[in-house]
Protein backbone atom coordinates (compact mmCIF):
# COMPACT_ATOMS: atom_id res chain seq x y z
CA MET A 1 0.00 0.00 0.00
CA GLU A 2 1.18 3.52 -0.83
CA LYS A 3 2.34 5.82 1.97
CA VAL A 4 0.92 9.31 2.41
CA ILE A 5 1.88 11.96 4.91
CA LEU A 6 -0.74 13.55 7.15
CA ALA A 7 0.26 16.91 8.63
CA PHE A 8 -2.57 18.60 10.47
CA GLU A 9 -2.37 20.81 13.53
CA GLY A 10 -5.06 18.78 15.25
CA ALA A 11 -4.40 15.15 16.16
CA LYS A 12 -8.12 14.41 15.83
CA THR A 13 -8.17 15.49 12.18
CA SER A 14 -5.12 13.35 11.40
CA ALA A 15 -6.70 10.36 13.14
CA ARG A 16 -10.01 10.76 11.26
CA VAL A 17 -8.27 11.06 7.89
CA ARG A 18 -6.04 8.07 8.70
CA ASP A 19 -9.04 5.95 9.69
CA ILE A 20 -10.75 6.70 6.37
CA LEU A 21 -7.68 6.11 4.17
CA GLU A 22 -6.34 3.04 5.93
CA GLY A 23 -9.84 1.61 6.50
CA ALA A 24 -10.52 1.76 2.77
CA GLY A 25 -7.11 0.26 1.97
CA VAL A 26 -6.08 3.32 -0.03
CA ALA A 27 -2.89 4.27 1.81
CA ASP A 28 -0.71 3.80 4.88
CA CYS A 29 -0.51 7.08 6.76
CA VAL A 30 2.52 8.64 8.37
CA PHE A 31 1.96 11.48 10.85
CA CYS A 32 4.03 14.66 10.82
CA HIS A 33 3.66 17.59 13.18
CA SER A 34 5.66 20.20 11.26
CA ALA A 35 6.63 21.21 7.75
CA ALA A 36 10.25 20.39 8.59
CA GLU A 37 9.24 16.80 9.41
CA VAL A 38 7.27 16.56 6.16
CA LYS A 39 10.28 17.72 4.12
CA ARG A 40 12.59 15.20 5.80
CA LEU A 41 10.18 12.29 5.23
CA VAL A 42 9.42 13.21 1.62
CA HIS A 43 13.12 13.27 0.78
CA LYS A 44 14.06 10.23 2.86
CA GLN A 45 11.18 7.91 1.91
CA HIS A 46 10.20 9.43 -1.47
CA ILE A 47 6.57 9.85 -0.46
CA THR A 48 4.61 11.53 -3.24
CA THR A 49 1.41 12.60 -1.45
CA VAL A 50 0.99 15.01 1.48
CA LEU A 51 -2.34 15.91 3.07
CA CYS A 52 -2.33 18.90 5.37
CA GLY A 53 -4.29 21.81 6.72
CA TYR A 54 -3.83 25.40 5.62
CA LYS A 55 -1.20 25.96 8.30
CA LEU A 56 1.27 23.69 10.03
CA MET A 57 3.00 24.59 13.29
CA ASP A 58 6.06 26.06 11.55
CA GLU A 59 4.80 27.33 8.18
CA THR A 60 1.88 27.43 5.78
CA ALA A 61 1.04 24.71 3.26
CA GLU A 62 1.96 27.12 0.47
CA SER A 63 5.52 27.64 1.67
CA LEU A 64 5.87 23.91 2.39
CA CYS A 65 4.87 23.09 -1.19
CA GLU A 66 7.62 25.34 -2.56
CA ASP A 67 10.27 23.25 -0.76
CA LEU A 68 9.06 19.84 -1.94
CA PRO A 69 10.15 17.98 -5.09
CA PRO A 70 7.94 18.39 -8.15
CA THR A 71 6.87 14.75 -7.82
CA THR A 72 5.14 15.48 -4.51
CA SER A 73 1.48 16.49 -4.53
CA VAL A 74 0.06 18.48 -1.64
CA LEU A 75 -3.65 18.35 -0.82
CA VAL A 76 -4.80 21.11 1.50
CA ILE A 77 -7.97 20.36 3.43
CA ALA A 78 -9.43 23.47 5.03
CA VAL A 79 -12.53 25.63 5.13
CA GLN A 80 -13.25 27.41 1.86
CA THR A 81 -12.28 30.88 3.19
CA MET A 82 -8.77 29.59 3.96
CA LEU A 83 -8.49 27.82 0.59
CA ASP A 84 -9.43 31.07 -1.17
CA MET A 85 -6.28 32.69 0.29
CA ILE A 86 -3.99 30.15 -1.40
CA GLU A 87 -2.37 31.58 -4.53
CA ASN A 88 -0.11 28.65 -5.43
CA ASP A 89 -1.66 26.71 -8.32
CA ASP A 90 0.50 23.65 -7.55
CA LEU A 91 -1.56 22.90 -4.44
CA PHE A 92 -4.65 20.75 -4.60
CA LYS A 93 -7.51 21.97 -2.44
CA LEU A 94 -10.43 20.22 -0.81
CA ALA A 95 -12.99 22.20 1.18
CA ALA A 96 -13.86 21.00 4.67
CA PRO A 97 -16.01 19.35 5.79
CA VAL A 98 -15.00 16.61 3.36
CA SER A 99 -17.08 13.61 2.41
CA ARG A 100 -15.46 10.21 2.73
CA SER A 101 -15.87 9.51 -1.00
CA ASP A 102 -14.33 12.87 -2.03
CA LEU A 103 -11.35 12.29 0.25
CA LEU A 104 -10.74 8.77 -1.04
CA ALA A 105 -11.10 9.79 -4.69
CA SER A 106 -8.78 12.78 -4.24
CA VAL A 107 -6.06 10.77 -2.53
CA GLN A 108 -6.24 7.97 -5.09
CA MET A 109 -5.92 10.51 -7.89
CA LEU A 110 -2.92 12.20 -6.23
CA ILE A 111 -1.16 8.87 -5.72
CA GLN A 112 -1.57 8.15 -9.44
CA VAL A 113 -0.31 11.63 -10.33
CA GLY A 114 2.75 11.03 -8.14
CA HIS A 115 3.58 7.80 -9.94
CA ARG A 116 3.24 9.43 -13.34
CA MET A 117 5.33 12.44 -12.32
CA GLU A 118 8.13 10.21 -11.02
CA LYS A 119 8.46 8.66 -14.48
CA PHE A 120 9.01 12.07 -16.08
CA VAL A 121 11.20 13.60 -13.39
CA ARG A 122 13.33 10.57 -12.58
CA PRO A 123 16.94 11.69 -13.02
CA GLN A 124 18.73 10.25 -16.02
CA ARG A 125 22.27 8.96 -15.72
CA SER A 126 25.02 10.93 -17.39
CA GLU A 127 27.16 9.28 -20.06
CA GLU A 128 30.00 9.13 -17.53
CA GLU A 129 27.81 7.28 -15.02
CA LYS A 130 26.60 4.86 -17.70
CA ALA A 131 30.20 4.15 -18.71
CA LEU A 132 31.15 3.54 -15.06
CA ILE A 133 28.34 1.01 -14.64
CA GLN A 134 29.29 -0.73 -17.91
CA ALA A 135 32.92 -0.95 -16.78
CA ALA A 136 31.90 -2.49 -13.44
CA LYS A 137 29.72 -5.02 -15.25
CA ARG A 138 32.68 -5.96 -17.49
CA VAL A 139 34.86 -6.50 -14.41
CA LEU A 140 32.21 -8.73 -12.84
CA MET A 141 31.74 -10.63 -16.10
CA ASP A 142 35.51 -11.25 -16.41
CA ARG A 143 36.17 -12.11 -12.74
CA HIS A 144 33.08 -14.18 -12.02
CA ASP A 145 32.08 -15.52 -15.44
CA MET A 146 28.73 -13.69 -15.32
CA THR A 147 26.51 -12.66 -18.20
CA GLU A 148 25.85 -8.93 -18.57
CA GLU A 149 22.36 -9.42 -17.14
CA GLN A 150 23.75 -11.31 -14.12
CA ALA A 151 26.35 -8.60 -13.55
CA HIS A 152 23.69 -5.90 -13.72
CA ARG A 153 21.45 -7.77 -11.27
CA PHE A 154 24.43 -8.27 -8.97
CA LEU A 155 25.13 -4.52 -8.97
CA GLN A 156 21.45 -3.74 -8.36
CA LYS A 157 21.21 -6.18 -5.45
CA LYS A 158 24.42 -4.96 -3.80
CA SER A 159 23.24 -1.39 -4.30
CA MET A 160 19.87 -2.09 -2.66
CA ASP A 161 21.42 -4.11 0.18
CA SER A 162 23.88 -1.34 1.02
CA GLY A 163 21.57 1.61 0.38
CA ALA A 164 24.08 3.05 -2.08
CA ARG A 165 23.29 4.33 -5.55
CA LEU A 166 24.04 1.97 -8.43
CA VAL A 167 26.82 4.28 -9.62
CA GLN A 168 28.46 4.24 -6.17
CA THR A 169 28.30 0.45 -6.07
CA ALA A 170 29.84 0.26 -9.55
CA GLN A 171 32.67 2.54 -8.42
CA MET A 172 33.35 0.28 -5.42
CA VAL A 173 33.60 -2.74 -7.74
CA LEU A 174 36.06 -0.86 -9.94
CA ASP A 175 38.09 0.34 -6.96
CA GLY A 176 38.26 -3.18 -5.58
CA THR A 177 36.71 -2.05 -2.30
CA TRP A 178 33.63 -4.21 -2.72
CA SER A 179 33.91 -7.61 -1.11
CA ASP A 180 32.04 -10.22 -3.13
């Protein structure tokens, strides 16, 4: 199930939204109490959907949105008068009180938007990085009699296991600092 961040000033609001989303099997919810927490989690866990009120304890939803990656969608749930004050067109708005069906449909749509955006924004490797990965695969193929596909899978697995980027893992293979 997809993760979404809930960042409301009131714990009751967060709990109600969580109950609806998790109860319907739409998303796992992670609670944040500040914009700073939201930013850390979005970058660390690559969460693409944030639901929040107009204002968090340390800044508004508008200023939070400006500091998030373009793959992250922010849904502001607030009374209409507060939503009318938002000038940022990148924010999605939902007027409170919200019906269960509107909330579920909105979150499902934002999760899909996040997945589509990631495909377009995903960073491409430079020619230098591609060459580095190819060289590491050749070393693995020569040393361990692997096919190119096996060498690539080996690099991917070691990269995932260590939490390093594929390029970093390839460099370790080339430097001889990777223990097989």
